N, C-alpha and C. Protein backbone atom coordinates (compact mmCIF):
# COMPACT_ATOMS: atom_id res chain seq x y z
N MET A 1 252.30 66.82 232.83
CA MET A 1 250.94 66.93 232.32
C MET A 1 250.19 65.77 232.90
N ASN A 2 248.94 65.87 233.09
CA ASN A 2 247.97 64.85 233.69
C ASN A 2 247.47 64.14 232.39
N THR A 3 247.19 62.85 232.66
CA THR A 3 246.71 61.94 231.73
C THR A 3 245.16 61.65 231.97
N ILE A 4 244.33 61.80 231.00
CA ILE A 4 242.96 61.47 231.11
C ILE A 4 242.74 59.89 231.16
N ARG A 5 241.92 59.52 232.25
CA ARG A 5 241.72 58.06 232.43
C ARG A 5 240.36 57.72 232.45
N SER A 6 239.46 58.71 232.64
CA SER A 6 238.05 58.66 232.78
C SER A 6 237.35 59.59 231.98
N ILE A 7 236.08 59.23 231.56
CA ILE A 7 235.44 60.23 230.74
C ILE A 7 234.01 60.08 231.22
N CYS A 8 233.28 61.17 231.33
CA CYS A 8 231.87 61.22 231.77
C CYS A 8 230.93 61.59 230.47
N VAL A 9 229.96 60.85 230.32
CA VAL A 9 229.14 61.18 229.16
C VAL A 9 227.69 61.29 229.73
N TYR A 10 227.03 62.56 229.39
CA TYR A 10 225.73 62.77 229.82
C TYR A 10 224.87 62.46 228.72
N CYS A 11 223.75 61.94 229.09
CA CYS A 11 222.92 61.49 228.02
C CYS A 11 221.35 61.31 228.50
N GLY A 12 220.32 61.42 227.75
CA GLY A 12 218.97 61.24 228.25
C GLY A 12 218.63 59.76 228.58
N SER A 13 217.36 59.78 229.28
CA SER A 13 217.09 58.37 229.76
C SER A 13 216.22 57.61 228.74
N SER A 14 215.81 58.29 227.66
CA SER A 14 215.02 57.65 226.56
C SER A 14 215.73 57.65 225.30
N PRO A 15 215.58 56.51 224.48
CA PRO A 15 216.29 56.33 223.28
C PRO A 15 215.82 57.45 222.17
N GLY A 16 214.67 58.03 222.45
CA GLY A 16 214.19 59.00 221.51
C GLY A 16 213.53 58.34 220.26
N ARG A 17 213.29 59.26 219.29
CA ARG A 17 212.66 58.88 218.19
C ARG A 17 213.53 58.31 217.02
N ASP A 18 214.74 58.87 217.01
CA ASP A 18 215.81 58.75 215.95
C ASP A 18 216.85 57.57 216.45
N GLU A 19 216.81 56.44 215.89
CA GLU A 19 217.77 55.42 216.16
C GLU A 19 219.16 55.78 215.86
N THR A 20 219.41 56.76 215.10
CA THR A 20 220.85 57.29 214.79
C THR A 20 221.51 57.65 216.08
N TYR A 21 220.69 58.31 217.10
CA TYR A 21 221.42 58.62 218.35
C TYR A 21 221.87 57.42 219.23
N ALA A 22 221.02 56.35 219.31
CA ALA A 22 221.27 55.18 219.97
C ALA A 22 222.61 54.46 219.33
N LYS A 23 222.77 54.38 217.95
CA LYS A 23 223.77 53.95 217.36
C LYS A 23 225.05 54.70 217.59
N ALA A 24 224.88 56.02 217.58
CA ALA A 24 225.98 56.89 217.87
C ALA A 24 226.55 56.69 219.27
N GLY A 25 225.56 56.51 220.15
CA GLY A 25 226.06 56.39 221.63
C GLY A 25 226.69 54.97 221.73
N HIS A 26 226.31 53.91 221.08
CA HIS A 26 226.87 52.64 221.09
C HIS A 26 228.29 52.72 220.54
N LEU A 27 228.50 53.33 219.51
CA LEU A 27 229.81 53.55 218.88
C LEU A 27 230.72 54.34 219.76
N LEU A 28 230.16 55.34 220.36
CA LEU A 28 231.09 56.09 221.31
C LEU A 28 231.52 55.24 222.42
N GLY A 29 230.63 54.50 222.99
CA GLY A 29 230.95 53.58 224.05
C GLY A 29 232.10 52.62 223.71
N ARG A 30 231.97 52.13 222.52
CA ARG A 30 233.10 51.13 222.04
C ARG A 30 234.29 51.71 221.86
N SER A 31 234.34 53.09 221.28
CA SER A 31 235.57 53.80 221.11
C SER A 31 236.12 54.09 222.41
N ILE A 32 235.37 54.46 223.39
CA ILE A 32 236.08 54.93 224.75
C ILE A 32 236.63 53.61 225.38
N ALA A 33 235.84 52.42 225.23
CA ALA A 33 236.39 51.30 225.83
C ALA A 33 237.77 50.86 225.05
N LYS A 34 237.80 50.98 223.71
CA LYS A 34 238.92 50.55 222.94
C LYS A 34 240.08 51.44 223.30
N SER A 35 239.85 52.58 223.70
CA SER A 35 240.85 53.58 224.01
C SER A 35 241.48 53.31 225.47
N GLY A 36 240.82 52.48 226.20
CA GLY A 36 241.37 52.06 227.46
C GLY A 36 240.85 53.01 228.54
N LEU A 37 239.87 53.93 228.23
CA LEU A 37 239.42 54.95 229.21
C LEU A 37 238.18 54.26 229.99
N ARG A 38 238.03 54.80 231.22
CA ARG A 38 236.89 54.33 232.12
C ARG A 38 235.73 55.37 231.79
N LEU A 39 234.55 54.71 231.52
CA LEU A 39 233.39 55.37 231.31
C LEU A 39 232.61 55.55 232.53
N ILE A 40 232.25 56.77 232.91
CA ILE A 40 231.47 57.06 234.07
C ILE A 40 230.07 57.44 233.61
């Protein structure tokens, strides 16, 4: 079985009006890094 080593996240170029999305993106990035995955 193949092991996932990298993950690609598609997102907008603007933070938008709701700060919740920026916070969620930050937490997602931290979680990906903590898991040892490469973020593309």
